[in-house]
Amino acid sequence: MQLADVSASGNYAVIAPQMGKQVVAFQAAMKIMGDTFPGAFAGYTLKVTESHQSSKVDTSGTAKAIVESFQDLGLDYDVEDIVMVRDPKEQVEKMKVPEEHLLGHAYHTYELTSPDGEVGFRFEHNICGRGIYANGTVDAVLCLAKKIREGSEKKLYNMIEVLQEGNMR
């Protein structure tokens, strides 16, 4: 509904669930990997752990998106199995979140293990604070300003398109 409403308004906009440029780039890279190498990790097991401030009650959308790419790579994994860490003590001790960032962080770990246990892969992205989202938002606004100056007929964008434009600060 939101996309349709914004599109119908005729206004320029960026709509994206994730504004952190580097996280968006990682998500896009994982999607490309899943599309390019379907089944490459078939038989592997996956463990996903994500930690966010205790006020976040739902599972990370970023983690869900990455899991979707792992599924494309052949992993049998249900997003319901994502381990959510919301207890501050566990966040500091287990996830190594600095105490000063307990109220604003996003720590994600994706661990893959081969069927025989002899091969392991670990992907991790840890964000402290909100700066990454603010910086991505500024770049999205700058991209929209450029599109307005150019008189672009396309008016609705996502963060992948913003990244593809380049000119990041």
N, C-alpha and C. Protein backbone atom coordinates (compact mmCIF):
# COMPACT_ATOMS: atom_id res chain seq x y z
N MET A 1 0.82 -1.18 0.00
CA MET A 1 0.00 0.00 0.00
C MET A 1 0.87 1.26 0.00
N GLN A 2 1.91 1.26 0.83
CA GLN A 2 2.79 2.41 0.93
C GLN A 2 3.41 2.75 -0.43
N LEU A 3 3.93 1.75 -1.13
CA LEU A 3 4.54 1.97 -2.44
C LEU A 3 3.53 2.55 -3.42
N ALA A 4 2.33 2.01 -3.43
CA ALA A 4 1.30 2.49 -4.35
C ALA A 4 0.92 3.93 -4.03
N ASP A 5 0.76 4.23 -2.75
CA ASP A 5 0.41 5.59 -2.34
C ASP A 5 1.47 6.60 -2.73
N VAL A 6 2.72 6.26 -2.46
CA VAL A 6 3.82 7.18 -2.78
C VAL A 6 3.95 7.32 -4.30
N SER A 7 3.85 6.23 -5.01
CA SER A 7 3.94 6.27 -6.46
C SER A 7 2.84 7.14 -7.05
N ALA A 8 1.63 6.99 -6.54
CA ALA A 8 0.49 7.76 -7.03
C ALA A 8 0.61 9.25 -6.70
N SER A 9 1.37 9.57 -5.66
CA SER A 9 1.49 10.98 -5.25
C SER A 9 2.31 11.81 -6.24
N GLY A 10 3.15 11.14 -7.02
CA GLY A 10 3.98 11.86 -7.97
C GLY A 10 5.20 12.51 -7.35
N ASN A 11 5.44 12.25 -6.08
CA ASN A 11 6.60 12.80 -5.39
C ASN A 11 7.81 11.89 -5.57
N TYR A 12 8.99 12.48 -5.50
CA TYR A 12 10.21 11.70 -5.50
C TYR A 12 10.38 11.09 -4.10
N ALA A 13 10.80 9.84 -4.06
CA ALA A 13 10.98 9.19 -2.75
C ALA A 13 11.92 8.00 -2.87
N VAL A 14 12.55 7.69 -1.74
CA VAL A 14 13.29 6.44 -1.57
C VAL A 14 12.56 5.68 -0.47
N ILE A 15 12.16 4.47 -0.78
CA ILE A 15 11.51 3.62 0.22
C ILE A 15 12.37 2.37 0.37
N ALA A 16 12.82 2.14 1.58
CA ALA A 16 13.69 1.00 1.84
C ALA A 16 13.60 0.61 3.31
N PRO A 17 13.57 -0.69 3.60
CA PRO A 17 13.55 -1.11 5.00
C PRO A 17 14.91 -0.95 5.68
N GLN A 18 15.96 -0.79 4.90
CA GLN A 18 17.32 -0.68 5.44
C GLN A 18 18.00 0.50 4.74
N MET A 19 18.46 1.47 5.53
CA MET A 19 19.09 2.67 4.96
C MET A 19 20.61 2.63 5.08
N GLY A 20 21.15 1.67 5.79
CA GLY A 20 22.61 1.54 5.94
C GLY A 20 23.21 1.07 4.63
N LYS A 21 23.96 1.95 3.96
CA LYS A 21 24.48 1.65 2.62
C LYS A 21 25.27 0.36 2.58
N GLN A 22 26.15 0.18 3.52
CA GLN A 22 27.02 -1.00 3.50
C GLN A 22 26.23 -2.28 3.77
N VAL A 23 25.21 -2.20 4.61
CA VAL A 23 24.37 -3.36 4.87
C VAL A 23 23.56 -3.69 3.62
N VAL A 24 23.04 -2.65 2.96
CA VAL A 24 22.29 -2.86 1.71
C VAL A 24 23.20 -3.51 0.67
N ALA A 25 24.44 -3.05 0.57
CA ALA A 25 25.38 -3.63 -0.38
C ALA A 25 25.64 -5.10 -0.05
N PHE A 26 25.78 -5.43 1.24
CA PHE A 26 25.98 -6.83 1.66
C PHE A 26 24.76 -7.67 1.29
N GLN A 27 23.57 -7.14 1.56
CA GLN A 27 22.35 -7.86 1.21
C GLN A 27 22.29 -8.11 -0.30
N ALA A 28 22.61 -7.10 -1.09
CA ALA A 28 22.58 -7.24 -2.54
C ALA A 28 23.61 -8.27 -3.01
N ALA A 29 24.80 -8.25 -2.40
CA ALA A 29 25.84 -9.22 -2.76
C ALA A 29 25.38 -10.65 -2.44
N MET A 30 24.75 -10.83 -1.30
CA MET A 30 24.25 -12.16 -0.94
C MET A 30 23.15 -12.60 -1.90
N LYS A 31 22.29 -11.68 -2.31
CA LYS A 31 21.23 -12.00 -3.27
C LYS A 31 21.85 -12.42 -4.60
N ILE A 32 22.86 -11.69 -5.05
CA ILE A 32 23.55 -12.04 -6.31
C ILE A 32 24.18 -13.42 -6.18
N MET A 33 24.80 -13.70 -5.04
CA MET A 33 25.43 -15.00 -4.82
C MET A 33 24.38 -16.11 -4.88
N GLY A 34 23.23 -15.90 -4.23
CA GLY A 34 22.18 -16.91 -4.26
C GLY A 34 21.62 -17.14 -5.65
N ASP A 35 21.47 -16.04 -6.41
CA ASP A 35 20.95 -16.16 -7.77
C ASP A 35 21.97 -16.81 -8.71
N THR A 36 23.26 -16.54 -8.48
CA THR A 36 24.31 -17.01 -9.37
C THR A 36 24.74 -18.44 -9.08
N PHE A 37 24.70 -18.83 -7.80
CA PHE A 37 25.19 -20.15 -7.39
C PHE A 37 24.12 -20.92 -6.61
N PRO A 38 22.96 -21.17 -7.23
CA PRO A 38 21.90 -21.86 -6.49
C PRO A 38 22.36 -23.24 -6.02
N GLY A 39 22.07 -23.52 -4.77
CA GLY A 39 22.41 -24.83 -4.23
C GLY A 39 23.86 -25.03 -3.81
N ALA A 40 24.68 -24.00 -3.92
CA ALA A 40 26.12 -24.15 -3.63
C ALA A 40 26.40 -24.62 -2.20
N PHE A 41 25.50 -24.34 -1.27
CA PHE A 41 25.71 -24.74 0.12
C PHE A 41 24.68 -25.79 0.57
N ALA A 42 24.14 -26.52 -0.39
CA ALA A 42 23.18 -27.58 -0.05
C ALA A 42 23.82 -28.55 0.94
N GLY A 43 23.05 -28.91 1.94
CA GLY A 43 23.54 -29.84 2.96
C GLY A 43 24.19 -29.16 4.14
N TYR A 44 24.62 -27.93 3.98
CA TYR A 44 25.21 -27.19 5.11
C TYR A 44 24.13 -26.83 6.11
N THR A 45 24.55 -26.63 7.35
CA THR A 45 23.63 -26.13 8.36
C THR A 45 23.92 -24.64 8.56
N LEU A 46 22.93 -23.93 9.03
CA LEU A 46 23.03 -22.49 9.25
C LEU A 46 22.54 -22.15 10.64
N LYS A 47 23.30 -21.30 11.30
CA LYS A 47 22.88 -20.74 12.59
C LYS A 47 22.93 -19.23 12.45
N VAL A 48 21.82 -18.58 12.74
CA VAL A 48 21.73 -17.13 12.64
C VAL A 48 21.39 -16.56 14.01
N THR A 49 22.21 -15.62 14.44
CA THR A 49 21.98 -14.93 15.71
C THR A 49 21.99 -13.44 15.43
N GLU A 50 20.98 -12.74 15.94
CA GLU A 50 20.94 -11.29 15.79
C GLU A 50 20.63 -10.64 17.12
N SER A 51 21.28 -9.52 17.37
CA SER A 51 21.07 -8.76 18.60
C SER A 51 20.75 -7.32 18.25
N HIS A 52 19.67 -6.85 18.84
CA HIS A 52 19.26 -5.45 18.72
C HIS A 52 18.87 -4.97 20.12
N GLN A 53 18.73 -3.66 20.24
CA GLN A 53 18.31 -3.08 21.51
C GLN A 53 17.06 -3.80 22.03
N SER A 54 16.94 -3.88 23.33
CA SER A 54 15.88 -4.68 23.95
C SER A 54 14.48 -4.19 23.58
N SER A 55 14.34 -2.96 23.13
CA SER A 55 13.02 -2.44 22.75
C SER A 55 12.53 -2.99 21.42
N LYS A 56 13.41 -3.60 20.63
CA LYS A 56 13.00 -4.18 19.34
C LYS A 56 12.41 -5.55 19.62
N VAL A 57 11.14 -5.71 19.30
CA VAL A 57 10.46 -6.94 19.66
C VAL A 57 10.40 -7.96 18.51
N ASP A 58 10.60 -7.51 17.28
CA ASP A 58 10.48 -8.43 16.16
C ASP A 58 11.85 -8.89 15.67
N THR A 59 11.84 -9.93 14.85
CA THR A 59 13.07 -10.44 14.26
C THR A 59 13.56 -9.47 13.20
N SER A 60 14.85 -9.32 13.11
CA SER A 60 15.47 -8.40 12.16
C SER A 60 15.07 -8.70 10.72
N GLY A 61 14.59 -7.69 10.02
CA GLY A 61 14.28 -7.82 8.60
C GLY A 61 15.52 -8.07 7.78
N THR A 62 16.64 -7.49 8.21
CA THR A 62 17.91 -7.71 7.51
C THR A 62 18.29 -9.19 7.61
N ALA A 63 18.19 -9.76 8.80
CA ALA A 63 18.51 -11.18 8.98
C ALA A 63 17.60 -12.05 8.12
N LYS A 64 16.32 -11.72 8.05
CA LYS A 64 15.39 -12.48 7.23
C LYS A 64 15.78 -12.42 5.76
N ALA A 65 16.19 -11.25 5.29
CA ALA A 65 16.58 -11.09 3.89
C ALA A 65 17.83 -11.90 3.57
N ILE A 66 18.79 -11.90 4.50
CA ILE A 66 20.02 -12.67 4.28
C ILE A 66 19.70 -14.16 4.29
N VAL A 67 18.83 -14.59 5.18
CA VAL A 67 18.43 -16.00 5.23
C VAL A 67 17.81 -16.42 3.90
N GLU A 68 17.02 -15.55 3.30
CA GLU A 68 16.41 -15.86 2.00
C GLU A 68 17.50 -16.16 0.95
N SER A 69 18.57 -15.38 0.98
CA SER A 69 19.68 -15.64 0.05
C SER A 69 20.36 -16.97 0.36
N PHE A 70 20.52 -17.27 1.66
CA PHE A 70 21.10 -18.57 2.01
C PHE A 70 20.20 -19.72 1.57
N GLN A 71 18.90 -19.52 1.64
CA GLN A 71 17.98 -20.54 1.15
C GLN A 71 18.19 -20.76 -0.35
N ASP A 72 18.38 -19.67 -1.08
CA ASP A 72 18.67 -19.79 -2.52
C ASP A 72 19.97 -20.55 -2.75
N LEU A 73 20.90 -20.47 -1.82
CA LEU A 73 22.18 -21.17 -1.92
C LEU A 73 22.06 -22.64 -1.50
N GLY A 74 20.84 -23.07 -1.16
CA GLY A 74 20.60 -24.48 -0.88
C GLY A 74 20.44 -24.84 0.58
N LEU A 75 20.45 -23.86 1.45
CA LEU A 75 20.32 -24.16 2.88
C LEU A 75 18.85 -24.31 3.26
N ASP A 76 18.57 -25.34 4.02
CA ASP A 76 17.23 -25.58 4.53
C ASP A 76 17.15 -24.89 5.90
N TYR A 77 16.56 -23.71 5.93
CA TYR A 77 16.53 -22.93 7.17
C TYR A 77 15.24 -22.13 7.22
N ASP A 78 14.62 -22.12 8.37
CA ASP A 78 13.38 -21.38 8.59
C ASP A 78 13.70 -20.10 9.37
N VAL A 79 13.19 -18.97 8.91
CA VAL A 79 13.47 -17.70 9.60
C VAL A 79 12.99 -17.73 11.05
N GLU A 80 12.07 -18.62 11.36
CA GLU A 80 11.62 -18.75 12.75
C GLU A 80 12.74 -19.27 13.66
N ASP A 81 13.79 -19.83 13.06
CA ASP A 81 14.92 -20.36 13.84
C ASP A 81 15.99 -19.31 14.14
N ILE A 82 15.81 -18.09 13.64
CA ILE A 82 16.77 -17.02 13.94
C ILE A 82 16.75 -16.78 15.45
N VAL A 83 17.92 -16.77 16.04
CA VAL A 83 18.04 -16.54 17.48
C VAL A 83 18.09 -15.03 17.72
N MET A 84 17.11 -14.53 18.45
CA MET A 84 17.06 -13.10 18.79
C MET A 84 17.63 -12.91 20.19
N VAL A 85 18.61 -12.04 20.31
CA VAL A 85 19.20 -11.74 21.61
C VAL A 85 18.74 -10.33 21.99
N ARG A 86 17.97 -10.25 23.10
CA ARG A 86 17.48 -8.95 23.55
C ARG A 86 17.85 -8.64 25.00
N ASP A 87 18.41 -9.62 25.68
CA ASP A 87 18.82 -9.43 27.07
C ASP A 87 20.16 -8.67 27.11
N PRO A 88 20.21 -7.50 27.75
CA PRO A 88 21.44 -6.70 27.76
C PRO A 88 22.66 -7.45 28.29
N LYS A 89 22.50 -8.27 29.29
CA LYS A 89 23.65 -9.01 29.83
C LYS A 89 24.20 -9.97 28.77
N GLU A 90 23.32 -10.68 28.09
CA GLU A 90 23.73 -11.61 27.04
C GLU A 90 24.33 -10.85 25.84
N GLN A 91 23.78 -9.67 25.56
CA GLN A 91 24.30 -8.86 24.45
C GLN A 91 25.76 -8.47 24.70
N VAL A 92 26.04 -8.08 25.92
CA VAL A 92 27.41 -7.67 26.26
C VAL A 92 28.34 -8.89 26.32
N GLU A 93 27.90 -9.95 27.01
CA GLU A 93 28.77 -11.11 27.23
C GLU A 93 28.90 -12.01 26.01
N LYS A 94 27.80 -12.33 25.37
CA LYS A 94 27.81 -13.28 24.25
C LYS A 94 28.10 -12.59 22.91
N MET A 95 27.43 -11.47 22.68
CA MET A 95 27.54 -10.80 21.38
C MET A 95 28.64 -9.75 21.35
N LYS A 96 29.17 -9.41 22.52
CA LYS A 96 30.27 -8.42 22.65
C LYS A 96 29.84 -7.01 22.24
N VAL A 97 28.57 -6.68 22.50
CA VAL A 97 28.08 -5.33 22.24
C VAL A 97 28.64 -4.41 23.32
N PRO A 98 29.26 -3.30 22.95
CA PRO A 98 29.73 -2.35 23.95
C PRO A 98 28.54 -1.80 24.75
N GLU A 99 28.70 -1.70 26.06
CA GLU A 99 27.59 -1.26 26.91
C GLU A 99 27.00 0.07 26.48
N GLU A 100 27.86 0.97 25.98
CA GLU A 100 27.35 2.29 25.59
C GLU A 100 26.45 2.23 24.35
N HIS A 101 26.37 1.06 23.70
CA HIS A 101 25.53 0.93 22.51
C HIS A 101 24.36 -0.04 22.71
N LEU A 102 24.08 -0.38 23.95
CA LEU A 102 22.97 -1.30 24.20
C LEU A 102 21.64 -0.75 23.72
N LEU A 103 21.49 0.58 23.72
CA LEU A 103 20.22 1.18 23.31
C LEU A 103 20.13 1.41 21.81
N GLY A 104 21.18 1.11 21.08
CA GLY A 104 21.16 1.29 19.63
C GLY A 104 22.25 0.50 18.95
N HIS A 105 21.96 -0.72 18.56
CA HIS A 105 22.94 -1.55 17.88
C HIS A 105 22.23 -2.60 17.02
N ALA A 106 23.00 -3.20 16.12
CA ALA A 106 22.50 -4.30 15.28
C ALA A 106 23.68 -5.22 15.00
N TYR A 107 23.73 -6.33 15.72
CA TYR A 107 24.80 -7.31 15.55
C TYR A 107 24.19 -8.57 14.95
N HIS A 108 24.74 -9.03 13.84
CA HIS A 108 24.23 -10.21 13.16
C HIS A 108 25.37 -11.17 12.86
N THR A 109 25.16 -12.46 13.11
CA THR A 109 26.13 -13.49 12.80
C THR A 109 25.43 -14.63 12.06
N TYR A 110 26.04 -15.05 10.95
CA TYR A 110 25.54 -16.15 10.14
C TYR A 110 26.65 -17.19 10.07
N GLU A 111 26.42 -18.37 10.63
CA GLU A 111 27.44 -19.42 10.68
C GLU A 111 26.97 -20.63 9.87
N LEU A 112 27.78 -21.02 8.89
CA LEU A 112 27.47 -22.17 8.05
C LEU A 112 28.48 -23.27 8.34
N THR A 113 27.99 -24.52 8.38
CA THR A 113 28.86 -25.66 8.65
C THR A 113 28.53 -26.77 7.66
N SER A 114 29.59 -27.35 7.08
CA SER A 114 29.41 -28.43 6.11
C SER A 114 28.84 -29.66 6.81
N PRO A 115 28.24 -30.57 6.03
CA PRO A 115 27.65 -31.78 6.63
C PRO A 115 28.64 -32.58 7.47
N ASP A 116 29.92 -32.61 7.06
CA ASP A 116 30.90 -33.38 7.83
C ASP A 116 31.57 -32.56 8.93
N GLY A 117 31.21 -31.30 9.04
CA GLY A 117 31.77 -30.43 10.08
C GLY A 117 33.18 -29.95 9.80
N GLU A 118 33.71 -30.25 8.63
CA GLU A 118 35.10 -29.88 8.33
C GLU A 118 35.26 -28.52 7.66
N VAL A 119 34.15 -27.92 7.24
CA VAL A 119 34.21 -26.61 6.59
C VAL A 119 33.22 -25.68 7.29
N GLY A 120 33.68 -24.49 7.58
CA GLY A 120 32.81 -23.50 8.20
C GLY A 120 32.98 -22.14 7.57
N PHE A 121 31.90 -21.42 7.47
CA PHE A 121 31.89 -20.04 7.01
C PHE A 121 31.17 -19.21 8.05
N ARG A 122 31.64 -17.99 8.22
CA ARG A 122 31.01 -17.08 9.19
C ARG A 122 30.94 -15.70 8.57
N PHE A 123 29.73 -15.17 8.50
CA PHE A 123 29.49 -13.81 8.03
C PHE A 123 28.97 -13.02 9.22
N GLU A 124 29.48 -11.82 9.37
CA GLU A 124 29.10 -11.03 10.54
C GLU A 124 29.06 -9.56 10.16
N HIS A 125 28.06 -8.86 10.64
CA HIS A 125 28.05 -7.40 10.52
C HIS A 125 27.52 -6.83 11.83
N ASN A 126 28.29 -5.90 12.37
CA ASN A 126 27.99 -5.32 13.67
C ASN A 126 27.92 -3.81 13.55
N ILE A 127 26.81 -3.26 14.00
CA ILE A 127 26.60 -1.81 13.92
C ILE A 127 26.35 -1.28 15.32
N CYS A 128 27.12 -0.26 15.66
CA CYS A 128 26.93 0.45 16.93
C CYS A 128 26.39 1.84 16.61
N GLY A 129 25.30 2.20 17.24
CA GLY A 129 24.73 3.53 17.04
C GLY A 129 23.85 3.59 15.81
N ARG A 130 23.55 4.84 15.42
CA ARG A 130 22.60 5.06 14.33
C ARG A 130 23.23 5.78 13.13
N GLY A 131 24.53 6.07 13.21
CA GLY A 131 25.20 6.85 12.18
C GLY A 131 25.09 6.26 10.80
N ILE A 132 25.21 4.94 10.67
CA ILE A 132 25.16 4.30 9.36
C ILE A 132 23.82 4.57 8.67
N TYR A 133 22.74 4.61 9.44
CA TYR A 133 21.41 4.85 8.87
C TYR A 133 21.25 6.32 8.49
N ALA A 134 21.76 7.20 9.33
CA ALA A 134 21.69 8.64 9.02
C ALA A 134 22.49 8.95 7.76
N ASN A 135 23.70 8.40 7.66
CA ASN A 135 24.53 8.64 6.47
C ASN A 135 23.86 8.11 5.20
N GLY A 136 23.27 6.95 5.28
CA GLY A 136 22.56 6.40 4.13
C GLY A 136 21.36 7.25 3.74
N THR A 137 20.68 7.78 4.74
CA THR A 137 19.53 8.65 4.47
C THR A 137 19.97 9.93 3.78
N VAL A 138 21.07 10.51 4.24
CA VAL A 138 21.60 11.72 3.60
C VAL A 138 21.94 11.43 2.14
N ASP A 139 22.59 10.31 1.87
CA ASP A 139 22.93 9.96 0.49
C ASP A 139 21.67 9.72 -0.35
N ALA A 140 20.63 9.16 0.26
CA ALA A 140 19.37 8.97 -0.47
C ALA A 140 18.76 10.32 -0.84
N VAL A 141 18.80 11.26 0.09
CA VAL A 141 18.27 12.61 -0.18
C VAL A 141 19.08 13.29 -1.28
N LEU A 142 20.40 13.17 -1.21
CA LEU A 142 21.25 13.76 -2.25
C LEU A 142 20.97 13.14 -3.62
N CYS A 143 20.73 11.84 -3.65
CA CYS A 143 20.39 11.16 -4.89
C CYS A 143 19.06 11.69 -5.44
N LEU A 144 18.08 11.84 -4.54
CA LEU A 144 16.78 12.37 -4.98
C LEU A 144 16.91 13.79 -5.50
N ALA A 145 17.72 14.61 -4.83
CA ALA A 145 17.92 15.99 -5.28
C ALA A 145 18.50 16.01 -6.69
N LYS A 146 19.43 15.10 -6.95
CA LYS A 146 20.02 14.99 -8.29
C LYS A 146 18.96 14.59 -9.31
N LYS A 147 18.12 13.63 -8.95
CA LYS A 147 17.07 13.18 -9.86
C LYS A 147 16.08 14.31 -10.16
N ILE A 148 15.77 15.11 -9.15
CA ILE A 148 14.86 16.24 -9.34
C ILE A 148 15.48 17.26 -10.30
N ARG A 149 16.77 17.58 -10.07
CA ARG A 149 17.47 18.53 -10.95
C ARG A 149 17.50 18.04 -12.39
N GLU A 150 17.67 16.73 -12.56
CA GLU A 150 17.73 16.14 -13.90
C GLU A 150 16.34 16.00 -14.54
N GLY A 151 15.31 16.19 -13.74
CA GLY A 151 13.94 16.02 -14.24
C GLY A 151 13.59 14.58 -14.54
N SER A 152 14.15 13.67 -13.79
CA SER A 152 13.92 12.24 -14.01
C SER A 152 12.43 11.90 -13.97
N GLU A 153 12.01 11.11 -14.95
CA GLU A 153 10.61 10.68 -14.96
C GLU A 153 10.35 9.64 -13.88
N LYS A 154 11.35 8.84 -13.59
CA LYS A 154 11.24 7.86 -12.50
C LYS A 154 11.32 8.62 -11.19
N LYS A 155 10.41 8.32 -10.28
CA LYS A 155 10.37 9.10 -9.04
C LYS A 155 10.50 8.25 -7.78
N LEU A 156 10.27 6.96 -7.88
CA LEU A 156 10.31 6.09 -6.71
C LEU A 156 11.54 5.18 -6.79
N TYR A 157 12.36 5.19 -5.74
CA TYR A 157 13.63 4.46 -5.72
C TYR A 157 13.74 3.63 -4.46
N ASN A 158 14.66 2.64 -4.51
CA ASN A 158 15.02 1.90 -3.31
C ASN A 158 16.51 2.15 -3.05
N MET A 159 17.03 1.63 -1.95
CA MET A 159 18.42 1.91 -1.59
C MET A 159 19.42 1.23 -2.53
N ILE A 160 19.07 0.14 -3.14
CA ILE A 160 19.99 -0.48 -4.10
C ILE A 160 20.19 0.48 -5.28
N GLU A 161 19.11 1.09 -5.71
CA GLU A 161 19.22 2.06 -6.81
C GLU A 161 20.05 3.28 -6.40
N VAL A 162 19.90 3.70 -5.15
CA VAL A 162 20.72 4.81 -4.65
C VAL A 162 22.19 4.42 -4.70
N LEU A 163 22.52 3.22 -4.26
CA LEU A 163 23.90 2.74 -4.30
C LEU A 163 24.41 2.65 -5.73
N GLN A 164 23.59 2.20 -6.62
CA GLN A 164 23.99 2.06 -8.02
C GLN A 164 24.30 3.41 -8.68
N GLU A 165 23.73 4.46 -8.15
CA GLU A 165 24.01 5.82 -8.65
C GLU A 165 25.43 6.25 -8.33
N GLY A 166 26.03 5.65 -7.31
CA GLY A 166 27.38 6.07 -6.90
C GLY A 166 27.33 7.40 -6.18
N ASN A 167 28.41 8.13 -6.24
CA ASN A 167 28.49 9.44 -5.59
C ASN A 167 28.19 9.40 -4.10
N MET A 168 28.60 8.32 -3.45
CA MET A 168 28.40 8.21 -2.01
C MET A 168 29.43 9.08 -1.28
N ARG A 169 29.00 9.62 -0.20
CA ARG A 169 29.92 10.44 0.61
C ARG A 169 30.82 9.53 1.40
